[in-house]
Amino acid sequence: MLELFNALPDVARIMVVLSVVAVAGLALGRLTVGGIGLGIGGVLFAGLAVGHLAAVSGIAIDVHVLHFVREFGLILFVYTIGVQVGPGFFAALKRQGLGLNLMAAAIVVLGGITAALIHLVMGVPLPVVLGVFSGAVTNTPSLGAAQEILAAVGAGGERQVLPSLGYAVAYPFGIAGILIAMTVVRAVFRLDIGAEAAAFDRQRSAQVAALEKLDVAIRNPGVVGTSLKDIQLMGELGVVASRLLRGGRLMVPHPDTRIESGDVLHLVGPRENLDRMKRFLGQEAEVTLTTKGTDVRWDRLVVTSDHVLGKTIAQLNMADSYGVVISRVNRAGVELVPSPALTLQFGDILTAIGKPADLARAAAVLGNSQRRLQQVDFIPVFIGILLGVIIGSIPLYLPGMPAAMKLGLAGGPLVAAIVLARIGHLGPLVWFMPPAANHALREIGIVLFLAVVGVLSGGKFLDTLIHGDGLAWMAYGAVITLVPLLLVGFYARVVAKQNYLTICGLLSGSMTDPPALAFANALSPSEAPALAYATVYPLVMCLRILAPQILVLLLWS
């Protein structure tokens, strides 16, 4: 059997090995104990086992092909992450997001300082420390960046393998350590999950101006005879008039529609704006302006046409051109008032009111193609990867550094994807990727990367753990995991007064660890952990990639 396997072409042998590792690793990751499992980390350990068997069996594998597969998997992983988080990255740095990101950055910095002290005080080789640092924070791109910068400074041979060994040894406690930190914070402050969830919901309700609706009867004689655009009821002041009842007949109002005595307007906007407009126009109507039994309908239309991307609500002029009023815009789950200056992006969902024939014409203009929404245009994908590789190759010279720093293949594609996804589109090129496709590419990328890392490290893993310094490395990893998490976790609760569920999301995001987020989500159905995780994830991912490069440039000798 071994002879038959060795007779296969190099690429075929590698595909067999990686397929076996992927199947075994993904199956291993699904096994849980007390609701906790290795997740995608199971692929790493399956790779270690197969790499060990290959070493003792004398199976020859072309390392050059493995290196290509590893780097390609890393590029796919970080690029799809950037596309996913790009649209909300810059908004996450505002208001409360800035505070959360500063605390998450503190966790990264404290971990880096701890790793540097372990190298300087305990004399642990820097390549080992870099691997332990990456494994302790369960961040695979960090490991990729570490291996890249070591190669750049001329660290070859065994020193290229040591980071992978350190990563594999520290990884298991890296997962468990986040859960331990969450549990310790909860126990120390004796927190009730239900009370924390309720407090978060109250706080969020006070901060988010959700869109509501209100039917208002005209009682102010001063507005009779004026048009809707004259009193800015088409979104300029955060309120849209989407329906008009006149003489018992429901109609779609236009910007030039003039108000008559006895009119009833259906207004959409934040509650505070609605109340202010009600006091100006008259009083709350006794009737409800429903479309049932009328020739007016409402529908949700999705922006998928290239021709409307980048255009504003005012430029489309849907009311005059098509007899349709846009009352809401849903963008990535957030409802926005359709103000005239609002620019449309691919995937925006517009709530439109009009007659069926008019809605059909508006849908044709906007695209409203579910098929287009589920398709992946790979031209923008590869343009983004190309730009990412170029960005990652640009040397960044910092004063006092012995060598130039680069974002590399782990950072360049991430930065390019974040910027391009935030831009949204350039002409016909749209940097939108359906969530299912994004998830599939991301999983393929991380599976390939972890499988190759495991196979390349498997030959020396057991020997290092049993006969070498593996147990000491594991202890160092535990320190790198717990110290920053507990320090920032206590600070977030005592000083920053953060909600416990938000802290759980902060700690999970600061370690870019999906299993920890899953654990936090299991505590409560509240959105708090996921929101905090998404807020800090992009910045932390960039910092995790930069951290090992900075450590090498400061400590390498």
Protein backbone atom coordinates (compact mmCIF):
# COMPACT_ATOMS: atom_id res chain seq x y z
CA MET A 1 0.00 0.00 0.00
CA LEU A 2 2.85 2.32 0.91
CA GLU A 3 4.61 1.55 -2.37
CA LEU A 4 1.40 2.27 -4.30
CA PHE A 5 1.00 5.58 -2.49
CA ASN A 6 4.62 6.61 -3.14
CA ALA A 7 4.15 5.75 -6.83
CA LEU A 8 1.51 8.49 -7.16
CA PRO A 9 2.54 11.86 -8.65
CA ASP A 10 3.60 14.50 -6.10
CA VAL A 11 0.42 16.55 -6.38
CA ALA A 12 -1.78 13.45 -6.12
CA ARG A 13 0.04 12.34 -2.95
CA ILE A 14 -0.43 15.75 -1.38
CA MET A 15 -4.12 15.84 -2.27
CA VAL A 16 -4.64 12.41 -0.69
CA VAL A 17 -2.83 13.50 2.47
CA LEU A 18 -4.68 16.82 2.77
CA SER A 19 -8.05 15.20 2.09
CA VAL A 20 -7.47 12.63 4.82
CA VAL A 21 -6.36 15.37 7.21
CA ALA A 22 -9.39 17.54 6.38
CA VAL A 23 -11.92 14.73 6.84
CA ALA A 24 -10.39 13.48 10.07
CA GLY A 25 -9.79 16.98 11.45
CA LEU A 26 -13.26 18.32 10.73
CA ALA A 27 -14.80 15.19 12.27
CA LEU A 28 -12.55 15.59 15.33
CA GLY A 29 -13.53 19.24 15.65
CA ARG A 30 -17.21 18.31 15.89
CA LEU A 31 -16.65 16.21 18.99
CA THR A 32 -17.51 18.14 22.16
CA VAL A 33 -17.03 17.63 25.88
CA GLY A 34 -19.39 19.69 27.98
CA GLY A 35 -20.33 21.69 24.89
CA ILE A 36 -16.71 22.60 24.16
CA GLY A 37 -14.75 21.27 21.21
CA LEU A 38 -11.69 21.96 19.10
CA GLY A 39 -13.72 23.28 16.19
CA ILE A 40 -11.55 24.05 13.18
CA GLY A 41 -8.50 23.40 15.39
CA GLY A 42 -9.19 19.69 14.97
CA VAL A 43 -7.65 19.96 11.49
CA LEU A 44 -4.35 21.03 13.02
CA PHE A 45 -4.18 18.00 15.29
CA ALA A 46 -5.23 15.63 12.53
CA GLY A 47 -2.40 17.13 10.46
CA LEU A 48 0.04 16.56 13.30
CA ALA A 49 -0.99 12.90 13.51
CA VAL A 50 -0.72 12.35 9.76
CA GLY A 51 2.58 14.25 9.64
CA HIS A 52 3.95 12.03 12.40
CA LEU A 53 2.82 8.86 10.58
CA ALA A 54 4.35 10.13 7.35
CA ALA A 55 7.67 10.79 9.08
CA VAL A 56 7.93 7.36 10.73
CA SER A 57 6.70 5.58 7.55
CA GLY A 58 9.14 7.31 5.24
CA ILE A 59 6.41 8.85 3.05
CA ALA A 60 7.89 11.50 0.77
CA ILE A 61 5.89 14.73 0.35
CA ASP A 62 7.00 17.70 -1.75
CA VAL A 63 7.37 20.54 0.77
CA HIS A 64 7.38 23.19 -1.99
CA VAL A 65 3.87 22.26 -3.05
CA LEU A 66 2.81 22.17 0.59
CA HIS A 67 4.16 25.69 1.10
CA PHE A 68 2.13 26.95 -1.85
CA VAL A 69 -1.05 25.31 -0.57
CA ARG A 70 -0.44 26.78 2.88
CA GLU A 71 -0.01 30.33 1.61
CA PHE A 72 -2.95 30.07 -0.79
CA GLY A 73 -5.19 28.85 2.03
CA LEU A 74 -4.04 31.73 4.22
CA ILE A 75 -4.83 34.27 1.48
CA LEU A 76 -8.34 32.86 0.98
CA PHE A 77 -9.00 32.94 4.71
CA VAL A 78 -7.91 36.49 5.47
CA TYR A 79 -9.38 37.92 2.25
CA THR A 80 -12.87 36.54 2.93
CA ILE A 81 -12.67 37.81 6.51
CA GLY A 82 -11.92 41.29 5.17
CA VAL A 83 -14.84 41.17 2.73
CA GLN A 84 -17.18 40.12 5.55
CA VAL A 85 -16.21 42.77 8.10
CA GLY A 86 -15.19 45.57 5.71
CA PRO A 87 -18.56 47.38 5.42
CA GLY A 88 -18.79 47.89 9.18
CA PHE A 89 -15.10 48.27 10.03
CA PHE A 90 -14.84 52.07 10.06
CA ALA A 91 -18.23 52.55 11.70
CA ALA A 92 -17.05 50.22 14.47
CA LEU A 93 -14.37 52.72 15.43
CA LYS A 94 -16.96 55.34 16.40
CA ARG A 95 -18.71 55.93 19.73
CA GLN A 96 -18.59 52.85 21.99
CA GLY A 97 -16.75 50.87 19.34
CA LEU A 98 -13.67 52.99 19.89
CA GLY A 99 -13.54 52.07 23.57
CA LEU A 100 -14.02 48.37 22.83
CA ASN A 101 -11.31 48.44 20.19
CA LEU A 102 -8.88 50.16 22.57
CA MET A 103 -9.46 47.43 25.17
CA ALA A 104 -9.06 44.72 22.54
CA ALA A 105 -5.85 46.35 21.35
CA ALA A 106 -4.64 46.38 24.97
CA ILE A 107 -5.12 42.60 25.10
CA VAL A 108 -2.93 42.20 22.02
CA VAL A 109 -0.26 44.55 23.38
CA LEU A 110 -0.22 42.87 26.81
CA GLY A 111 0.10 39.47 25.13
CA GLY A 112 3.00 40.74 23.04
CA ILE A 113 4.75 42.17 26.11
CA THR A 114 4.25 38.89 27.98
CA ALA A 115 5.69 36.94 25.05
CA ALA A 116 8.70 39.28 24.86
CA LEU A 117 9.36 38.85 28.60
CA ILE A 118 9.22 35.06 28.25
CA HIS A 119 11.86 35.27 25.53
CA LEU A 120 14.10 37.73 27.39
CA VAL A 121 13.75 36.41 30.95
CA MET A 122 13.26 32.66 30.41
CA GLY A 123 15.55 32.42 27.38
CA VAL A 124 12.98 30.68 25.18
CA PRO A 125 14.00 30.89 21.48
CA LEU A 126 12.12 33.61 19.64
CA PRO A 127 10.69 31.28 16.92
CA VAL A 128 9.17 29.16 19.70
CA VAL A 129 7.77 32.23 21.46
CA LEU A 130 6.15 33.42 18.24
CA GLY A 131 4.43 30.06 17.77
CA VAL A 132 3.34 29.89 21.40
CA PHE A 133 2.06 33.48 21.16
CA SER A 134 -0.03 32.63 18.07
CA GLY A 135 -1.36 29.37 19.54
CA ALA A 136 -2.14 30.94 22.91
CA VAL A 137 -4.42 33.45 21.18
CA THR A 138 -5.76 30.85 18.68
CA ASN A 139 -4.87 33.10 15.74
CA THR A 140 -3.73 31.22 12.64
CA PRO A 141 -2.87 34.26 10.46
CA SER A 142 -0.55 35.38 13.25
CA LEU A 143 1.36 32.13 12.82
CA GLY A 144 1.52 32.71 9.06
CA ALA A 145 2.89 36.22 9.63
CA ALA A 146 5.47 34.88 12.08
CA GLN A 147 6.74 32.31 9.59
CA GLU A 148 6.91 34.95 6.86
CA ILE A 149 8.94 37.45 8.91
CA LEU A 150 11.31 34.72 10.12
CA ALA A 151 12.00 33.76 6.52
CA ALA A 152 12.57 37.44 5.69
CA VAL A 153 15.26 37.77 8.36
CA GLY A 154 17.01 34.60 7.24
CA ALA A 155 15.74 32.10 9.84
CA GLY A 156 15.72 28.81 7.94
CA GLY A 157 15.84 25.13 8.69
CA GLU A 158 14.50 24.04 12.08
CA ARG A 159 13.72 27.63 13.08
CA GLN A 160 10.96 27.64 10.43
CA VAL A 161 9.37 24.55 12.05
CA LEU A 162 9.58 25.75 15.68
CA PRO A 163 6.71 28.29 15.39
CA SER A 164 4.34 25.55 14.19
CA LEU A 165 5.37 23.30 17.08
CA GLY A 166 4.87 26.08 19.61
CA TYR A 167 1.51 26.92 18.04
CA ALA A 168 0.26 23.34 18.23
CA VAL A 169 1.37 22.93 21.86
CA ALA A 170 -0.25 26.18 23.05
CA TYR A 171 -3.44 25.99 20.98
CA PRO A 172 -5.58 23.67 23.20
CA PHE A 173 -5.28 25.87 26.28
CA GLY A 174 -5.72 28.92 24.06
CA ILE A 175 -9.30 27.77 23.45
CA ALA A 176 -9.96 26.73 27.04
CA GLY A 177 -8.26 29.83 28.49
CA ILE A 178 -10.81 32.23 26.95
CA LEU A 179 -13.65 30.26 28.50
CA ILE A 180 -11.85 30.21 31.84
CA ALA A 181 -11.37 33.99 31.72
CA MET A 182 -15.09 34.53 31.01
CA THR A 183 -16.03 32.23 33.89
CA VAL A 184 -13.64 33.93 36.32
CA VAL A 185 -15.00 37.42 35.52
CA ARG A 186 -18.55 36.18 36.01
CA ALA A 187 -17.72 34.43 39.29
CA VAL A 188 -15.73 37.30 40.80
CA PHE A 189 -18.51 39.83 40.22
CA ARG A 190 -21.34 37.31 40.84
CA LEU A 191 -23.15 38.34 37.69
CA ASP A 192 -26.62 37.19 36.65
CA ILE A 193 -26.81 36.47 32.91
CA GLY A 194 -30.51 37.31 32.63
CA ALA A 195 -30.06 40.66 34.34
CA GLU A 196 -27.08 41.50 32.13
CA ALA A 197 -29.06 40.66 28.97
CA ALA A 198 -31.98 42.83 30.11
CA ALA A 199 -29.63 45.71 30.93
CA PHE A 200 -28.03 45.49 27.50
CA ASP A 201 -31.41 45.56 25.76
CA ARG A 202 -32.44 48.67 27.72
CA GLN A 203 -29.17 50.42 26.90
CA ARG A 204 -29.37 49.56 23.22
CA SER A 205 -32.98 50.72 22.97
CA ALA A 206 -31.94 54.07 24.38
CA GLN A 207 -29.08 54.44 21.87
CA VAL A 208 -30.57 53.12 18.63
CA ALA A 209 -33.16 55.25 16.91
CA ALA A 210 -35.33 52.46 15.50
CA LEU A 211 -37.68 53.37 12.67
CA GLU A 212 -41.33 53.49 13.67
CA LYS A 213 -44.53 54.56 11.93
CA LEU A 214 -47.27 57.03 12.80
CA ASP A 215 -50.48 58.17 11.12
CA VAL A 216 -50.93 61.95 11.48
CA ALA A 217 -54.05 63.98 10.67
CA ILE A 218 -53.42 67.48 9.30
CA ARG A 219 -54.75 70.12 11.72
CA ASN A 220 -52.27 72.95 11.19
CA PRO A 221 -53.80 75.42 8.69
CA GLY A 222 -50.33 76.83 8.07
CA VAL A 223 -49.25 73.73 6.12
CA VAL A 224 -52.36 73.49 3.94
CA GLY A 225 -51.39 74.21 0.35
CA THR A 226 -47.69 73.52 0.85
CA SER A 227 -45.94 70.60 -0.87
CA LEU A 228 -44.34 67.71 0.99
CA LYS A 229 -40.89 68.74 -0.19
CA ASP A 230 -41.46 72.27 1.13
CA ILE A 231 -41.85 70.93 4.69
CA GLN A 232 -39.15 68.30 4.08
CA LEU A 233 -41.29 65.21 4.47
CA MET A 234 -39.33 63.12 1.96
CA GLY A 235 -36.50 62.13 4.28
CA GLU A 236 -34.62 65.41 4.69
CA LEU A 237 -35.50 65.67 8.41
CA GLY A 238 -35.39 61.94 9.09
CA VAL A 239 -39.12 61.40 8.36
CA VAL A 240 -40.73 60.05 5.20
CA ALA A 241 -44.39 60.37 4.22
CA SER A 242 -45.05 57.04 2.49
CA ARG A 243 -48.87 57.05 2.26
CA LEU A 244 -51.60 59.67 1.97
CA LEU A 245 -55.30 59.26 2.75
CA ARG A 246 -57.48 61.86 1.06
CA GLY A 247 -61.24 61.68 0.79
CA GLY A 248 -61.26 58.04 1.83
CA ARG A 249 -58.78 57.08 -0.92
CA LEU A 250 -55.26 55.84 -0.20
CA MET A 251 -52.58 57.13 -2.56
CA VAL A 252 -48.81 57.38 -2.91
CA PRO A 253 -47.60 60.92 -2.11
CA HIS A 254 -45.08 62.70 -4.34
CA PRO A 255 -42.61 65.43 -3.37
CA ASP A 256 -44.82 67.97 -5.17
CA THR A 257 -48.05 66.72 -3.59
CA ARG A 258 -49.76 69.63 -1.84
CA ILE A 259 -51.35 69.08 1.54
CA GLU A 260 -55.10 69.61 1.89
CA SER A 261 -57.22 70.00 4.99
CA GLY A 262 -58.35 66.61 6.27
CA ASP A 263 -55.39 64.70 4.81
CA VAL A 264 -53.89 61.86 6.84
CA LEU A 265 -50.20 61.06 6.34
CA HIS A 266 -48.45 57.79 7.16
CA LEU A 267 -45.01 58.81 8.47
CA VAL A 268 -41.92 56.62 8.96
CA GLY A 269 -38.91 57.63 11.06
CA PRO A 270 -37.36 57.58 14.55
CA ARG A 271 -39.89 58.13 17.36
CA GLU A 272 -38.46 61.48 18.42
CA ASN A 273 -38.71 62.85 14.86
CA LEU A 274 -42.22 61.48 14.46
CA ASP A 275 -43.41 63.17 17.65
CA ARG A 276 -41.89 66.47 16.58
CA MET A 277 -43.52 66.26 13.14
CA LYS A 278 -46.87 65.31 14.70
CA ARG A 279 -46.85 68.45 16.85
CA PHE A 280 -46.11 70.52 13.75
CA LEU A 281 -48.72 68.96 11.45
CA GLY A 282 -51.62 68.28 13.76
CA GLN A 283 -52.47 65.20 15.81
CA GLU A 284 -52.35 61.43 15.70
CA ALA A 285 -55.05 60.11 13.40
CA GLU A 286 -57.85 57.85 14.59
CA VAL A 287 -57.60 55.74 11.42
CA THR A 288 -54.82 53.36 10.42
CA LEU A 289 -53.47 53.74 6.91
CA THR A 290 -53.28 50.12 5.82
CA THR A 291 -52.86 48.99 2.22
CA LYS A 292 -55.39 46.18 2.61
CA GLY A 293 -58.40 46.56 0.36
CA THR A 294 -56.72 49.29 -1.72
CA ASP A 295 -54.83 49.45 -5.02
CA VAL A 296 -51.66 50.39 -3.14
CA ARG A 297 -49.12 47.74 -2.10
CA TRP A 298 -45.76 47.62 -0.35
CA ASP A 299 -42.83 45.38 -1.25
CA ARG A 300 -39.16 44.85 -0.42
CA LEU A 301 -36.87 45.41 -3.39
CA VAL A 302 -33.17 44.47 -3.42
CA VAL A 303 -30.55 46.66 -5.10
CA THR A 304 -28.67 44.40 -7.54
CA SER A 305 -28.48 46.53 -10.72
CA ASP A 306 -25.09 48.02 -11.59
CA HIS A 307 -26.82 51.09 -13.02
CA VAL A 308 -28.11 52.33 -9.65
CA LEU A 309 -25.05 51.57 -7.51
CA GLY A 310 -23.59 54.75 -6.06
CA LYS A 311 -26.65 56.80 -6.92
CA THR A 312 -28.53 58.70 -4.22
CA ILE A 313 -32.22 58.42 -3.39
CA ALA A 314 -32.67 61.92 -4.83
CA GLN A 315 -31.01 60.98 -8.12
CA LEU A 316 -33.30 57.99 -8.58
CA ASN A 317 -36.38 60.19 -7.91
CA MET A 318 -38.55 57.08 -7.54
CA ALA A 319 -41.69 59.01 -6.57
CA ASP A 320 -41.86 61.19 -9.67
CA SER A 321 -40.34 58.72 -12.13
CA TYR A 322 -42.14 55.55 -11.08
CA GLY A 323 -44.86 56.57 -8.62
CA VAL A 324 -43.13 54.71 -5.79
CA VAL A 325 -42.05 55.97 -2.38
CA ILE A 326 -39.09 54.43 -0.52
CA SER A 327 -39.92 54.37 3.21
CA ARG A 328 -36.98 52.37 4.60
CA VAL A 329 -33.54 51.14 3.59
CA ASN A 330 -32.20 48.00 5.27
CA ARG A 331 -28.43 47.72 5.01
CA ALA A 332 -26.72 44.74 6.64
CA GLY A 333 -29.57 44.43 9.15
CA VAL A 334 -29.69 48.14 10.05
CA GLU A 335 -32.71 50.21 9.04
CA LEU A 336 -31.92 53.65 7.61
CA VAL A 337 -34.12 56.61 6.76
CA PRO A 338 -34.07 57.05 2.95
CA SER A 339 -32.79 60.61 2.99
CA PRO A 340 -32.22 62.19 -0.43
CA ALA A 341 -28.43 62.08 0.05
CA LEU A 342 -28.30 58.38 0.96
CA THR A 343 -26.15 56.45 -1.55
CA LEU A 344 -27.35 52.99 -2.53
CA GLN A 345 -25.08 49.97 -2.20
CA PHE A 346 -25.31 46.46 -3.60
CA GLY A 347 -27.59 44.32 -1.43
CA ASP A 348 -29.57 47.21 0.10
CA ILE A 349 -33.19 46.20 0.76
CA LEU A 350 -35.68 49.00 0.04
CA THR A 351 -39.22 49.03 1.42
CA ALA A 352 -41.25 50.53 -1.43
CA ILE A 353 -44.91 51.63 -1.55
CA GLY A 354 -46.88 52.02 -4.76
CA LYS A 355 -49.29 50.40 -7.15
CA PRO A 356 -48.38 46.87 -8.34
CA ALA A 357 -47.48 48.01 -11.86
CA ASP A 358 -45.35 50.87 -10.50
CA LEU A 359 -43.59 48.53 -8.06
CA ALA A 360 -42.79 46.18 -10.93
CA ARG A 361 -41.19 49.03 -12.91
CA ALA A 362 -39.19 50.12 -9.84
CA ALA A 363 -38.04 46.54 -9.26
CA ALA A 364 -36.76 46.34 -12.84
CA VAL A 365 -34.73 49.51 -12.31
CA LEU A 366 -33.26 48.42 -8.95
CA GLY A 367 -32.52 44.90 -10.16
CA ASN A 368 -34.28 42.94 -7.41
CA SER A 369 -32.57 39.77 -8.58
CA GLN A 370 -32.29 37.08 -5.92
CA ARG A 371 -30.15 35.09 -8.33
CA ARG A 372 -27.66 37.96 -8.68
CA LEU A 373 -27.63 38.29 -4.90
CA GLN A 374 -26.48 34.68 -4.55
CA GLN A 375 -23.86 34.74 -7.32
CA VAL A 376 -20.16 35.35 -6.80
CA ASP A 377 -18.37 37.52 -9.34
CA PHE A 378 -14.82 36.20 -9.20
CA ILE A 379 -13.24 39.02 -11.20
CA PRO A 380 -13.43 41.41 -8.19
CA VAL A 381 -12.26 38.57 -5.93
CA PHE A 382 -9.02 38.05 -7.83
CA ILE A 383 -8.52 41.79 -8.33
CA GLY A 384 -8.77 42.13 -4.54
CA ILE A 385 -6.31 39.29 -3.97
CA LEU A 386 -3.89 40.81 -6.50
CA LEU A 387 -4.05 44.19 -4.76
CA GLY A 388 -3.67 42.45 -1.40
CA VAL A 389 -0.50 40.64 -2.46
CA ILE A 390 0.93 43.91 -3.79
CA ILE A 391 0.04 45.77 -0.59
CA GLY A 392 1.49 42.96 1.51
CA SER A 393 4.78 43.20 -0.40
CA ILE A 394 5.32 46.91 0.19
CA PRO A 395 8.18 47.42 2.70
CA LEU A 396 7.38 49.71 5.63
CA TYR A 397 10.50 51.26 7.11
CA LEU A 398 10.22 52.24 10.77
CA PRO A 399 12.91 54.17 12.68
CA GLY A 400 15.13 51.93 14.77
CA MET A 401 13.95 48.70 13.16
CA PRO A 402 16.67 46.38 11.79
CA ALA A 403 14.56 45.47 8.75
CA ALA A 404 11.51 46.68 6.89
CA MET A 405 8.12 45.49 8.07
CA LYS A 406 5.56 44.10 5.60
CA LEU A 407 1.92 43.21 5.95
CA GLY A 408 2.73 40.04 4.03
CA LEU A 409 0.27 37.50 2.65
CA ALA A 410 -1.56 37.45 5.97
CA GLY A 411 -2.09 41.21 6.19
CA GLY A 412 -2.12 42.60 2.64
CA PRO A 413 -5.20 40.73 1.41
CA LEU A 414 -7.01 41.54 4.67
CA VAL A 415 -6.39 45.29 4.32
CA ALA A 416 -7.31 45.25 0.62
CA ALA A 417 -10.53 43.36 1.30
CA ILE A 418 -11.59 45.69 4.13
CA VAL A 419 -11.06 48.81 2.00
CA LEU A 420 -12.68 47.37 -1.13
CA ALA A 421 -15.67 45.99 0.78
CA ARG A 422 -16.12 49.39 2.41
CA ILE A 423 -16.04 51.11 -1.00
CA GLY A 424 -18.58 48.57 -2.22
CA HIS A 425 -18.13 48.95 -5.95
CA LEU A 426 -16.06 50.55 -8.68
CA GLY A 427 -18.12 50.79 -11.85
CA PRO A 428 -19.41 47.28 -12.63
CA LEU A 429 -17.00 45.66 -10.13
CA VAL A 430 -18.89 44.81 -6.94
CA TRP A 431 -17.06 43.65 -3.81
CA PHE A 432 -20.06 41.85 -2.39
CA MET A 433 -19.95 38.17 -1.58
CA PRO A 434 -22.98 36.11 -0.50
CA PRO A 435 -22.53 34.98 3.11
CA ALA A 436 -22.72 31.28 2.18
CA ALA A 437 -20.02 31.65 -0.48
CA ASN A 438 -17.86 33.74 1.84
CA HIS A 439 -18.14 31.14 4.59
CA ALA A 440 -17.32 28.28 2.20
CA LEU A 441 -14.18 29.96 0.82
CA ARG A 442 -13.07 30.97 4.31
CA GLU A 443 -13.45 27.41 5.61
CA ILE A 444 -11.56 25.95 2.64
CA GLY A 445 -8.75 28.43 3.21
CA ILE A 446 -8.33 27.79 6.93
CA VAL A 447 -8.61 24.00 6.47
CA LEU A 448 -5.82 24.02 3.86
CA PHE A 449 -3.61 26.23 6.00
CA LEU A 450 -4.04 24.26 9.23
CA ALA A 451 -3.70 20.91 7.46
CA VAL A 452 -0.36 21.88 5.93
CA VAL A 453 0.90 23.42 9.19
CA GLY A 454 0.06 20.18 10.99
CA VAL A 455 1.65 17.92 8.38
CA LEU A 456 4.86 19.95 8.29
CA SER A 457 5.11 19.97 12.10
CA GLY A 458 3.90 16.43 12.83
CA GLY A 459 7.28 14.77 12.46
CA LYS A 460 8.70 16.50 15.57
CA PHE A 461 5.57 17.29 17.60
CA LEU A 462 5.45 14.25 19.90
CA ASP A 463 9.19 14.29 20.48
CA THR A 464 9.00 17.97 21.45
CA LEU A 465 6.04 17.45 23.78
CA ILE A 466 7.34 14.33 25.52
CA HIS A 467 11.12 14.62 25.45
CA GLY A 468 11.60 18.32 24.82
CA ASP A 469 10.26 21.53 26.32
CA GLY A 470 6.66 21.06 25.18
CA LEU A 471 5.14 21.14 28.68
CA ALA A 472 7.00 24.34 29.53
CA TRP A 473 5.83 25.89 26.26
CA MET A 474 2.26 24.94 27.18
CA ALA A 475 2.65 26.73 30.52
CA TYR A 476 4.03 29.83 28.81
CA GLY A 477 1.07 29.76 26.45
CA ALA A 478 -1.34 29.65 29.39
CA VAL A 479 0.28 32.79 30.82
CA ILE A 480 0.03 34.60 27.46
CA THR A 481 -3.63 33.60 27.24
CA LEU A 482 -4.87 34.38 30.75
CA VAL A 483 -2.94 37.43 31.94
CA PRO A 484 -4.12 39.90 29.24
CA LEU A 485 -7.69 38.54 29.23
CA LEU A 486 -8.16 38.78 32.99
CA LEU A 487 -6.54 42.22 33.30
CA VAL A 488 -8.66 43.74 30.54
CA GLY A 489 -11.77 41.78 31.58
CA PHE A 490 -11.60 43.22 35.12
CA TYR A 491 -10.87 46.70 33.75
CA ALA A 492 -13.82 46.51 31.37
CA ARG A 493 -16.19 45.68 34.22
CA VAL A 494 -14.82 47.86 37.03
CA VAL A 495 -13.62 50.96 35.18
CA ALA A 496 -15.39 50.95 31.80
CA LYS A 497 -18.66 49.61 33.31
CA GLN A 498 -19.22 47.28 30.36
CA ASN A 499 -22.03 44.74 30.25
CA TYR A 500 -20.81 41.20 31.01
CA LEU A 501 -22.13 39.80 27.72
CA THR A 502 -20.36 42.60 25.87
CA ILE A 503 -17.16 41.67 27.74
CA CYS A 504 -17.58 38.06 26.59
CA GLY A 505 -17.79 39.25 22.99
CA LEU A 506 -14.81 41.55 23.56
CA LEU A 507 -12.65 38.71 24.92
CA SER A 508 -13.72 36.34 22.13
CA GLY A 509 -13.09 38.93 19.44
CA SER A 510 -9.73 39.94 20.89
CA MET A 511 -8.64 36.31 20.43
CA THR A 512 -10.47 36.03 17.05
CA ASP A 513 -11.92 32.79 18.40
CA PRO A 514 -15.30 31.61 17.00
CA PRO A 515 -15.67 28.70 19.51
CA ALA A 516 -15.44 31.22 22.37
CA LEU A 517 -18.12 33.36 20.71
CA ALA A 518 -20.31 30.27 20.38
CA PHE A 519 -19.84 29.65 24.12
CA ALA A 520 -20.81 33.26 24.90
CA ASN A 521 -23.87 33.07 22.65
CA ALA A 522 -24.98 29.93 24.48
CA LEU A 523 -25.13 31.91 27.74
CA SER A 524 -27.95 34.12 26.47
CA PRO A 525 -29.91 34.82 23.27
CA SER A 526 -28.79 38.47 23.55
CA GLU A 527 -26.95 40.01 20.59
CA ALA A 528 -24.39 41.64 22.87
CA PRO A 529 -21.54 39.09 22.45
CA ALA A 530 -21.82 38.95 18.66
CA LEU A 531 -21.96 42.73 18.31
CA ALA A 532 -18.85 43.24 20.46
CA TYR A 533 -17.04 40.42 18.64
CA ALA A 534 -17.76 41.94 15.22
CA THR A 535 -16.76 45.40 16.46
CA VAL A 536 -13.25 44.46 17.57
CA TYR A 537 -12.50 41.60 15.18
CA PRO A 538 -11.16 43.57 12.17
CA LEU A 539 -8.73 45.73 14.15
CA VAL A 540 -7.57 42.82 16.30
CA MET A 541 -6.96 40.65 13.25
CA CYS A 542 -4.68 43.32 11.80
CA LEU A 543 -2.87 43.74 15.12
CA ARG A 544 -2.46 39.97 15.54
CA ILE A 545 -0.78 39.83 12.14
CA LEU A 546 1.48 42.79 12.90
CA ALA A 547 2.44 41.67 16.45
CA PRO A 548 4.83 38.79 15.55
CA GLN A 549 6.52 40.95 12.91
CA ILE A 550 7.14 43.70 15.47
CA LEU A 551 8.47 41.14 17.98
CA VAL A 552 10.93 39.79 15.40
CA LEU A 553 12.08 43.24 14.31
CA LEU A 554 12.62 44.30 17.95
CA LEU A 555 14.10 41.10 19.39
CA TRP A 556 15.78 39.22 16.54
CA SER A 557 19.53 39.07 16.74
